[in-house]
C-alpha atoms as a PDB file:
ATOM      1  CA  MET A   1      51.720 -31.488  -6.717  1.00  0.00           C
ATOM      2  CA  LEU A   2      55.111 -31.219  -8.451  1.00  0.00           C
ATOM      3  CA  ASN A   3      56.277 -31.581 -12.034  1.00  0.00           C
ATOM      4  CA  TYR A   4      60.023 -31.670 -11.557  1.00  0.00           C
ATOM      5  CA  SER A   5      60.571 -35.379 -11.081  1.00  0.00           C
ATOM      6  CA  ASN A   6      64.297 -35.099 -11.748  1.00  0.00           C
ATOM      7  CA  ASN A   7      64.851 -32.849  -8.730  1.00  0.00           C
ATOM      8  CA  PRO A   8      66.644 -34.335  -5.710  1.00  0.00           C
ATOM      9  CA  ILE A   9      65.350 -36.134  -2.676  1.00  0.00           C
ATOM     10  CA  GLY A  10      66.450 -34.117   0.347  1.00  0.00           C
ATOM     11  CA  ILE A  11      67.402 -36.240   3.360  1.00  0.00           C
ATOM     12  CA  PHE A  12      68.399 -34.740   6.690  1.00  0.00           C
ATOM     13  CA  ASP A  13      69.456 -35.888  10.134  1.00  0.00           C
ATOM     14  CA  SER A  14      71.000 -34.479  13.289  1.00  0.00           C
ATOM     15  CA  GLY A  15      74.324 -35.919  12.149  1.00  0.00           C
ATOM     16  CA  ILE A  16      75.549 -38.782  10.024  1.00  0.00           C
ATOM     17  CA  GLY A  17      73.295 -41.534  11.391  1.00  0.00           C
ATOM     18  CA  GLY A  18      70.714 -40.751   8.731  1.00  0.00           C
ATOM     19  CA  LEU A  19      73.172 -42.025   6.145  1.00  0.00           C
ATOM     20  CA  THR A  20      71.808 -45.501   6.929  1.00  0.00           C
ATOM     21  CA  VAL A  21      68.477 -44.273   5.531  1.00  0.00           C
ATOM     22  CA  ALA A  22      70.194 -42.548   2.599  1.00  0.00           C
ATOM     23  CA  ARG A  23      71.989 -45.795   1.821  1.00  0.00           C
ATOM     24  CA  ALA A  24      68.718 -47.739   1.787  1.00  0.00           C
ATOM     25  CA  VAL A  25      67.144 -45.090  -0.457  1.00  0.00           C
ATOM     26  CA  THR A  26      70.013 -45.341  -2.961  1.00  0.00           C
ATOM     27  CA  GLN A  27      69.653 -49.135  -2.988  1.00  0.00           C
ATOM     28  CA  VAL A  28      65.879 -49.077  -3.537  1.00  0.00           C
ATOM     29  CA  LEU A  29      65.901 -46.005  -5.807  1.00  0.00           C
ATOM     30  CA  PRO A  30      69.331 -45.990  -7.488  1.00  0.00           C
ATOM     31  CA  GLN A  31      68.239 -43.582 -10.217  1.00  0.00           C
ATOM     32  CA  GLU A  32      67.296 -40.792  -7.793  1.00  0.00           C
ATOM     33  CA  ASN A  33      69.340 -37.669  -7.073  1.00  0.00           C
ATOM     34  CA  ILE A  34      70.134 -37.438  -3.361  1.00  0.00           C
ATOM     35  CA  LEU A  35      70.974 -34.355  -1.294  1.00  0.00           C
ATOM     36  CA  TYR A  36      71.921 -35.200   2.293  1.00  0.00           C
ATOM     37  CA  PHE A  37      72.375 -32.741   5.159  1.00  0.00           C
ATOM     38  CA  GLY A  38      73.748 -33.722   8.557  1.00  0.00           C
ATOM     39  CA  ASP A  39      73.602 -31.117  11.331  1.00  0.00           C
ATOM     40  CA  THR A  40      76.869 -32.308  12.863  1.00  0.00           C
ATOM     41  CA  ALA A  41      77.531 -28.937  14.540  1.00  0.00           C
ATOM     42  CA  ARG A  42      74.552 -29.417  16.864  1.00  0.00           C
ATOM     43  CA  ALA A  43      74.399 -33.215  17.120  1.00  0.00           C
ATOM     44  CA  PRO A  44      73.141 -35.158  18.920  1.00  0.00           C
ATOM     45  CA  TRP A  45      69.531 -33.988  19.094  1.00  0.00           C
ATOM     46  CA  GLY A  46      68.313 -36.755  21.402  1.00  0.00           C
ATOM     47  CA  ASP A  47      68.634 -34.630  24.555  1.00  0.00           C
ATOM     48  CA  LYS A  48      67.552 -31.312  22.993  1.00  0.00           C
ATOM     49  CA  SER A  49      64.187 -29.661  23.697  1.00  0.00           C
ATOM     50  CA  THR A  50      61.317 -30.083  21.265  1.00  0.00           C
ATOM     51  CA  ALA A  51      61.392 -26.347  20.490  1.00  0.00           C
ATOM     52  CA  ALA A  52      65.104 -26.466  19.619  1.00  0.00           C
ATOM     53  CA  ILE A  53      64.682 -29.499  17.352  1.00  0.00           C
ATOM     54  CA  GLN A  54      61.772 -27.846  15.557  1.00  0.00           C
ATOM     55  CA  ALA A  55      63.830 -24.703  14.961  1.00  0.00           C
ATOM     56  CA  TYR A  56      66.724 -26.772  13.562  1.00  0.00           C
ATOM     57  CA  CYS A  57      64.367 -28.644  11.233  1.00  0.00           C
ATOM     58  CA  ILE A  58      62.870 -25.462   9.791  1.00  0.00           C
ATOM     59  CA  GLN A  59      66.353 -24.074   9.112  1.00  0.00           C
ATOM     60  CA  ILE A  60      67.353 -27.249   7.295  1.00  0.00           C
ATOM     61  CA  CYS A  61      64.091 -27.366   5.337  1.00  0.00           C
ATOM     62  CA  ASN A  62      64.771 -23.850   4.062  1.00  0.00           C
ATOM     63  CA  MET A  63      68.119 -25.040   2.724  1.00  0.00           C
ATOM     64  CA  LEU A  64      66.588 -28.122   1.081  1.00  0.00           C
ATOM     65  CA  LEU A  65      63.789 -26.084  -0.502  1.00  0.00           C
ATOM     66  CA  GLN A  66      66.362 -23.654  -1.888  1.00  0.00           C
ATOM     67  CA  GLN A  67      67.958 -26.690  -3.544  1.00  0.00           C
ATOM     68  CA  ASN A  68      64.549 -27.501  -5.126  1.00  0.00           C
ATOM     69  CA  CYS A  69      64.124 -30.863  -3.402  1.00  0.00           C
ATOM     70  CA  LYS A  70      60.967 -32.675  -4.477  1.00  0.00           C
ATOM     71  CA  VAL A  71      60.891 -34.691  -1.244  1.00  0.00           C
ATOM     72  CA  ILE A  72      62.125 -33.891   2.256  1.00  0.00           C
ATOM     73  CA  LEU A  73      62.849 -37.068   4.195  1.00  0.00           C
ATOM     74  CA  ILE A  74      63.371 -36.601   7.923  1.00  0.00           C
ATOM     75  CA  ALA A  75      65.902 -39.404   8.465  1.00  0.00           C
ATOM     76  CA  CYS A  76      65.829 -39.145  12.241  1.00  0.00           C
ATOM     77  CA  ASN A  77      63.379 -40.637  14.729  1.00  0.00           C
ATOM     78  CA  THR A  78      63.956 -37.794  17.189  1.00  0.00           C
ATOM     79  CA  ALA A  79      63.140 -35.117  14.608  1.00  0.00           C
ATOM     80  CA  SER A  80      60.273 -37.169  13.156  1.00  0.00           C
ATOM     81  CA  ALA A  81      58.706 -37.330  16.621  1.00  0.00           C
ATOM     82  CA  ALA A  82      59.309 -33.683  17.498  1.00  0.00           C
ATOM     83  CA  ALA A  83      58.842 -31.818  14.239  1.00  0.00           C
ATOM     84  CA  TYR A  84      57.134 -33.801  11.459  1.00  0.00           C
ATOM     85  CA  GLU A  85      53.733 -32.099  11.705  1.00  0.00           C
ATOM     86  CA  LEU A  86      55.355 -28.656  11.896  1.00  0.00           C
ATOM     87  CA  VAL A  87      57.630 -29.387   8.934  1.00  0.00           C
ATOM     88  CA  ARG A  88      54.753 -30.701   6.833  1.00  0.00           C
ATOM     89  CA  GLU A  89      52.716 -27.564   7.550  1.00  0.00           C
ATOM     90  CA  TYR A  90      55.706 -25.303   6.877  1.00  0.00           C
ATOM     91  CA  VAL A  91      56.694 -26.976   3.610  1.00  0.00           C
ATOM     92  CA  GLY A  92      53.109 -27.085   2.357  1.00  0.00           C
ATOM     93  CA  ASN A  93      52.891 -28.097  -1.313  1.00  0.00           C
ATOM     94  CA  LYS A  94      56.503 -27.144  -2.110  1.00  0.00           C
ATOM     95  CA  ALA A  95      57.672 -30.725  -1.519  1.00  0.00           C
ATOM     96  CA  LEU A  96      56.485 -34.074  -0.198  1.00  0.00           C
ATOM     97  CA  VAL A  97      57.480 -34.672   3.425  1.00  0.00           C
ATOM     98  CA  VAL A  98      58.295 -38.154   4.755  1.00  0.00           C
ATOM     99  CA  ASN A  99      59.365 -39.263   8.218  1.00  0.00           C
ATOM    100  CA  VAL A 100      60.861 -42.511   9.504  1.00  0.00           C
ATOM    101  CA  ILE A 101      58.098 -43.322  11.992  1.00  0.00           C
ATOM    102  CA  ASP A 102      54.914 -43.630   9.925  1.00  0.00           C
ATOM    103  CA  PRO A 103      56.281 -46.280   7.516  1.00  0.00           C
ATOM    104  CA  MET A 104      57.290 -48.413  10.512  1.00  0.00           C
ATOM    105  CA  VAL A 105      53.873 -47.923  12.125  1.00  0.00           C
ATOM    106  CA  ASP A 106      52.245 -49.050   8.861  1.00  0.00           C
ATOM    107  CA  HIS A 107      54.531 -52.100   8.800  1.00  0.00           C
ATOM    108  CA  LEU A 108      53.565 -53.018  12.365  1.00  0.00           C
ATOM    109  CA  ARG A 109      49.864 -52.606  11.557  1.00  0.00           C
ATOM    110  CA  GLU A 110      50.255 -54.944   8.597  1.00  0.00           C
ATOM    111  CA  HIS A 111      52.275 -57.673  10.328  1.00  0.00           C
ATOM    112  CA  TYR A 112      51.899 -57.455  14.133  1.00  0.00           C
ATOM    113  CA  VAL A 113      48.232 -57.036  15.015  1.00  0.00           C
ATOM    114  CA  LYS A 114      47.607 -57.961  18.681  1.00  0.00           C
ATOM    115  CA  LYS A 115      51.324 -58.537  19.263  1.00  0.00           C
ATOM    116  CA  SER A 116      53.700 -57.153  21.891  1.00  0.00           C
ATOM    117  CA  ILE A 117      56.470 -55.027  20.359  1.00  0.00           C
ATOM    118  CA  GLY A 118      59.605 -53.529  21.923  1.00  0.00           C
ATOM    119  CA  LEU A 119      61.327 -50.333  20.859  1.00  0.00           C
ATOM    120  CA  ILE A 120      64.689 -48.773  21.672  1.00  0.00           C
ATOM    121  CA  GLY A 121      65.594 -45.172  20.833  1.00  0.00           C
ATOM    122  CA  THR A 122      66.804 -41.821  22.129  1.00  0.00           C
ATOM    123  CA  LYS A 123      65.266 -40.162  25.186  1.00  0.00           C
ATOM    124  CA  GLN A 124      63.430 -37.661  22.968  1.00  0.00           C
ATOM    125  CA  THR A 125      61.892 -40.376  20.781  1.00  0.00           C
ATOM    126  CA  VAL A 126      60.888 -42.597  23.697  1.00  0.00           C
ATOM    127  CA  HIS A 127      59.565 -39.820  25.921  1.00  0.00           C
ATOM    128  CA  SER A 128      57.495 -38.405  23.067  1.00  0.00           C
ATOM    129  CA  ASN A 129      55.484 -41.662  23.166  1.00  0.00           C
ATOM    130  CA  ILE A 130      54.921 -41.133  19.445  1.00  0.00           C
ATOM    131  CA  TYR A 131      54.861 -44.799  18.440  1.00  0.00           C
ATOM    132  CA  LYS A 132      52.366 -45.714  21.155  1.00  0.00           C
ATOM    133  CA  LYS A 133      50.097 -42.787  20.272  1.00  0.00           C
ATOM    134  CA  LYS A 134      50.051 -43.712  16.594  1.00  0.00           C
ATOM    135  CA  LEU A 135      49.525 -47.427  17.236  1.00  0.00           C
ATOM    136  CA  ASP A 136      46.812 -46.802  19.847  1.00  0.00           C
ATOM    137  CA  ALA A 137      45.016 -44.593  17.324  1.00  0.00           C
ATOM    138  CA  LEU A 138      44.919 -47.527  14.889  1.00  0.00           C
ATOM    139  CA  ASP A 139      43.193 -49.671  17.550  1.00  0.00           C
ATOM    140  CA  VAL A 140      44.651 -52.963  16.313  1.00  0.00           C
ATOM    141  CA  GLY A 141      45.764 -54.296  19.680  1.00  0.00           C
ATOM    142  CA  ILE A 142      49.513 -53.724  19.258  1.00  0.00           C
ATOM    143  CA  ARG A 143      51.245 -53.221  22.606  1.00  0.00           C
ATOM    144  CA  ILE A 144      54.504 -51.305  22.468  1.00  0.00           C
ATOM    145  CA  ASN A 145      57.121 -51.189  25.218  1.00  0.00           C
ATOM    146  CA  ALA A 146      59.746 -48.482  24.661  1.00  0.00           C
ATOM    147  CA  LEU A 147      63.102 -48.060  26.388  1.00  0.00           C
ATOM    148  CA  ALA A 148      65.478 -45.099  26.077  1.00  0.00           C
ATOM    149  CA  THR A 149      69.013 -46.250  25.253  1.00  0.00           C
ATOM    150  CA  PRO A 150      71.061 -43.015  25.303  1.00  0.00           C
ATOM    151  CA  LEU A 151      74.527 -44.594  25.484  1.00  0.00           C
ATOM    152  CA  LEU A 152      74.284 -46.256  22.089  1.00  0.00           C
ATOM    153  CA  VAL A 153      74.497 -43.255  19.742  1.00  0.00           C
ATOM    154  CA  PRO A 154      77.753 -41.844  21.175  1.00  0.00           C
ATOM    155  CA  LEU A 155      79.300 -45.315  21.208  1.00  0.00           C
ATOM    156  CA  ILE A 156      78.399 -45.882  17.560  1.00  0.00           C
ATOM    157  CA  GLU A 157      79.547 -42.416  16.488  1.00  0.00           C
ATOM    158  CA  GLU A 158      82.894 -42.960  18.210  1.00  0.00           C
ATOM    159  CA  GLY A 159      83.437 -46.075  16.103  1.00  0.00           C
ATOM    160  CA  PHE A 160      82.634 -48.672  18.772  1.00  0.00           C
ATOM    161  CA  ALA A 161      79.732 -50.389  16.963  1.00  0.00           C
ATOM    162  CA  ASP A 162      81.647 -53.674  16.735  1.00  0.00           C
ATOM    163  CA  LYS A 163      83.350 -53.431  20.119  1.00  0.00           C
ATOM    164  CA  GLU A 164      82.580 -55.440  23.227  1.00  0.00           C
ATOM    165  CA  ILE A 165      81.749 -52.291  25.206  1.00  0.00           C
ATOM    166  CA  THR A 166      78.806 -51.608  22.873  1.00  0.00           C
ATOM    167  CA  ALA A 167      77.618 -55.214  22.943  1.00  0.00           C
ATOM    168  CA  ASN A 168      77.710 -55.152  26.760  1.00  0.00           C
ATOM    169  CA  ALA A 169      75.800 -51.867  27.020  1.00  0.00           C
ATOM    170  CA  LEU A 170      73.231 -53.073  24.513  1.00  0.00           C
ATOM    171  CA  HIS A 171      72.753 -56.393  26.287  1.00  0.00           C
ATOM    172  CA  ASP A 172      72.162 -54.561  29.576  1.00  0.00           C
ATOM    173  CA  TYR A 173      69.472 -52.482  27.893  1.00  0.00           C
ATOM    174  CA  LEU A 174      67.807 -55.434  26.168  1.00  0.00           C
ATOM    175  CA  ALA A 175      67.656 -57.368  29.443  1.00  0.00           C
ATOM    176  CA  HIS A 176      65.489 -54.605  30.945  1.00  0.00           C
ATOM    177  CA  PRO A 177      62.121 -55.861  32.262  1.00  0.00           C
ATOM    178  CA  ASP A 178      60.263 -53.475  29.940  1.00  0.00           C
ATOM    179  CA  LEU A 179      61.478 -55.496  26.961  1.00  0.00           C
ATOM    180  CA  LYS A 180      60.390 -58.915  28.229  1.00  0.00           C
ATOM    181  CA  ASN A 181      58.084 -61.147  26.191  1.00  0.00           C
ATOM    182  CA  ILE A 182      58.164 -59.190  22.939  1.00  0.00           C
ATOM    183  CA  GLU A 183      57.765 -60.654  19.455  1.00  0.00           C
ATOM    184  CA  ALA A 184      59.663 -57.926  17.603  1.00  0.00           C
ATOM    185  CA  LEU A 185      62.010 -55.071  18.444  1.00  0.00           C
ATOM    186  CA  VAL A 186      61.949 -51.778  16.543  1.00  0.00           C
ATOM    187  CA  LEU A 187      65.345 -50.130  16.134  1.00  0.00           C
ATOM    188  CA  GLY A 188      64.017 -46.625  16.757  1.00  0.00           C
ATOM    189  CA  CYS A 189      67.135 -44.714  15.766  1.00  0.00           C
ATOM    190  CA  THR A 190      68.889 -44.491  12.410  1.00  0.00           C
ATOM    191  CA  HIS A 191      72.230 -45.294  14.087  1.00  0.00           C
ATOM    192  CA  TYR A 192      71.028 -48.671  15.298  1.00  0.00           C
ATOM    193  CA  PRO A 193      71.234 -50.674  12.049  1.00  0.00           C
ATOM    194  CA  LEU A 194      74.985 -50.704  12.694  1.00  0.00           C
ATOM    195  CA  ILE A 195      74.435 -52.747  15.856  1.00  0.00           C
ATOM    196  CA  LYS A 196      71.625 -54.912  14.523  1.00  0.00           C
ATOM    197  CA  HIS A 197      73.916 -57.956  14.596  1.00  0.00           C
ATOM    198  CA  HIS A 198      74.446 -57.481  18.351  1.00  0.00           C
ATOM    199  CA  VAL A 199      70.666 -57.306  18.866  1.00  0.00           C
ATOM    200  CA  GLU A 200      70.136 -60.474  16.847  1.00  0.00           C
ATOM    201  CA  ASP A 201      72.878 -62.221  18.825  1.00  0.00           C
ATOM    202  CA  PHE A 202      71.112 -61.309  22.061  1.00  0.00           C
ATOM    203  CA  TYR A 203      67.730 -62.637  20.927  1.00  0.00           C
ATOM    204  CA  GLN A 204      69.155 -65.673  19.087  1.00  0.00           C
ATOM    205  CA  ASN A 205      66.579 -65.304  16.287  1.00  0.00           C
ATOM    206  CA  LYS A 206      63.658 -65.602  18.719  1.00  0.00           C
ATOM    207  CA  VAL A 207      62.620 -61.956  18.224  1.00  0.00           C
ATOM    208  CA  ASN A 208      62.254 -60.163  14.879  1.00  0.00           C
ATOM    209  CA  VAL A 209      64.572 -57.159  14.720  1.00  0.00           C
ATOM    210  CA  LEU A 210      62.996 -54.381  12.643  1.00  0.00           C
ATOM    211  CA  ASP A 211      65.285 -51.895  10.893  1.00  0.00           C
ATOM    212  CA  SER A 212      63.262 -48.957   9.571  1.00  0.00           C
ATOM    213  CA  SER A 213      65.749 -47.907   6.875  1.00  0.00           C
ATOM    214  CA  GLU A 214      64.592 -50.336   4.183  1.00  0.00           C
ATOM    215  CA  ILE A 215      60.948 -50.010   5.234  1.00  0.00           C
ATOM    216  CA  VAL A 216      61.193 -46.218   4.839  1.00  0.00           C
ATOM    217  CA  ALA A 217      62.952 -46.511   1.467  1.00  0.00           C
ATOM    218  CA  LEU A 218      60.227 -48.824   0.116  1.00  0.00           C
ATOM    219  CA  ALA A 219      57.522 -46.455   1.399  1.00  0.00           C
ATOM    220  CA  LEU A 220      59.288 -43.571  -0.346  1.00  0.00           C
ATOM    221  CA  LYS A 221      59.402 -45.556  -3.591  1.00  0.00           C
ATOM    222  CA  GLY A 222      55.646 -46.113  -3.391  1.00  0.00           C
ATOM    223  CA  LEU A 223      55.052 -42.426  -2.716  1.00  0.00           C
ATOM    224  CA  LEU A 224      57.129 -41.327  -5.715  1.00  0.00           C
ATOM    225  CA  GLU A 225      55.289 -43.795  -7.946  1.00  0.00           C
ATOM    226  CA  TYR A 226      51.906 -42.581  -6.676  1.00  0.00           C
ATOM    227  CA  HIS A 227      52.791 -38.940  -7.437  1.00  0.00           C
ATOM    228  CA  ASN A 228      54.580 -39.823 -10.695  1.00  0.00           C
ATOM    229  CA  LEU A 229      57.770 -38.262  -9.341  1.00  0.00           C
ATOM    230  CA  LYS A 230      60.390 -40.930 -10.023  1.00  0.00           C
ATOM    231  CA  ASN A 231      63.490 -39.589 -11.743  1.00  0.00           C
ATOM    232  CA  LYS A 232      63.261 -40.321 -15.456  1.00  0.00           C
ATOM    233  CA  ASN A 233      66.758 -39.194 -16.427  1.00  0.00           C
ATOM    234  CA  GLY A 234      68.471 -42.403 -15.347  1.00  0.00           C
ATOM    235  CA  ALA A 235      71.666 -40.707 -14.124  1.00  0.00           C
ATOM    236  CA  SER A 236      71.883 -39.894 -10.424  1.00  0.00           C
ATOM    237  CA  GLN A 237      73.902 -37.392  -8.427  1.00  0.00           C
ATOM    238  CA  ARG A 238      74.576 -37.591  -4.703  1.00  0.00           C
ATOM    239  CA  ARG A 239      75.643 -34.638  -2.580  1.00  0.00           C
ATOM    240  CA  PHE A 240      76.462 -34.710   1.121  1.00  0.00           C
ATOM    241  CA  TYR A 241      76.527 -31.599   3.311  1.00  0.00           C
ATOM    242  CA  VAL A 242      77.342 -31.152   7.004  1.00  0.00           C
ATOM    243  CA  SER A 243      77.183 -28.120   9.297  1.00  0.00           C
ATOM    244  CA  ASP A 244      80.541 -28.945  10.899  1.00  0.00           C
ATOM    245  CA  PHE A 245      83.360 -30.968   9.405  1.00  0.00           C
ATOM    246  CA  THR A 246      85.607 -33.256  11.453  1.00  0.00           C
ATOM    247  CA  GLU A 247      87.904 -36.074  10.395  1.00  0.00           C
ATOM    248  CA  ALA A 248      85.941 -38.401  12.679  1.00  0.00           C
ATOM    249  CA  SER A 249      82.645 -37.682  10.931  1.00  0.00           C
ATOM    250  CA  ALA A 250      84.293 -38.033   7.528  1.00  0.00           C
ATOM    251  CA  ALA A 251      85.697 -41.421   8.497  1.00  0.00           C
ATOM    252  CA  ALA A 252      82.360 -42.545   9.927  1.00  0.00           C
ATOM    253  CA  THR A 253      80.498 -41.873   6.685  1.00  0.00           C
ATOM    254  CA  LYS A 254      81.941 -45.067   5.241  1.00  0.00           C
ATOM    255  CA  ILE A 255      80.505 -47.029   8.164  1.00  0.00           C
ATOM    256  CA  PHE A 256      77.021 -45.511   7.851  1.00  0.00           C
ATOM    257  CA  PHE A 257      76.740 -45.212   4.065  1.00  0.00           C
ATOM    258  CA  GLY A 258      78.808 -48.245   3.140  1.00  0.00           C
ATOM    259  CA  GLU A 259      81.289 -46.273   1.072  1.00  0.00           C
ATOM    260  CA  ALA A 260      83.384 -43.148   1.494  1.00  0.00           C
ATOM    261  CA  VAL A 261      81.629 -39.927   0.473  1.00  0.00           C
ATOM    262  CA  GLN A 262      82.825 -36.366   0.089  1.00  0.00           C
ATOM    263  CA  LEU A 263      81.373 -34.115   2.784  1.00  0.00           C
ATOM    264  CA  VAL A 264      80.836 -30.444   1.942  1.00  0.00           C
ATOM    265  CA  LEU A 265      80.676 -27.874   4.733  1.00  0.00           C
ATOM    266  CA  TYR A 266      77.447 -25.841   4.637  1.00  0.00           C
ATOM    267  CA  HIS A 267      76.622 -23.167   7.232  1.00  0.00           C
ATOM    268  CA  LEU A 268      72.931 -22.670   7.777  1.00  0.00           C
END
């Protein structure tokens, strides 16, 4: 596969929501070099066509490959559903390709056989039916009930994650009949860890709330170990690029990543 273990892990998302995944990766793999790209100029992707999302992903992959990334992590459920297979074929053996869906599917297979699971996400993720297709293919009796929750991403990106308006919208979604009698709920969008506390408040600890960020980071760690690609230098560098810079997105990085980061404008 690859010999340049000190090269960066490339992480991309439609915007800054994928910083929740980047944060988990830096916590699990603190020695790794990280290169993050958020396509803020064209965000959100949740209502875009599959063809458009695939085209965006290929453009971003070209940029990440030019930066010699050893791994390309698609830190977006929407893009993982719409473009993972295409990206993997396009990248070939130039880099490992990881998405945020398969590690969660593996986690469900390991812990929730014959259980009923709920999922909330963007319209694109839910309508793709990707989680159900993958779980049905495993034939382990996991029933998944998915609900599109399109209001949540704009509310979170506008800084309302801790506001009552977001809690109210979320509670209306979670009360939907499709999410009745579930044993766990998958947060099927990288923005949603920021409202996990609202979800837990709604369920009062009676339903397990599954945040894919840490699950994905641990899966990535295992993959790097398997391919002997962990950074051996010890020192790590983190770079953050966006396709459009606004003060709002700069301010929101602290919310998503847990600390302020310097965003660099990069035109694809």
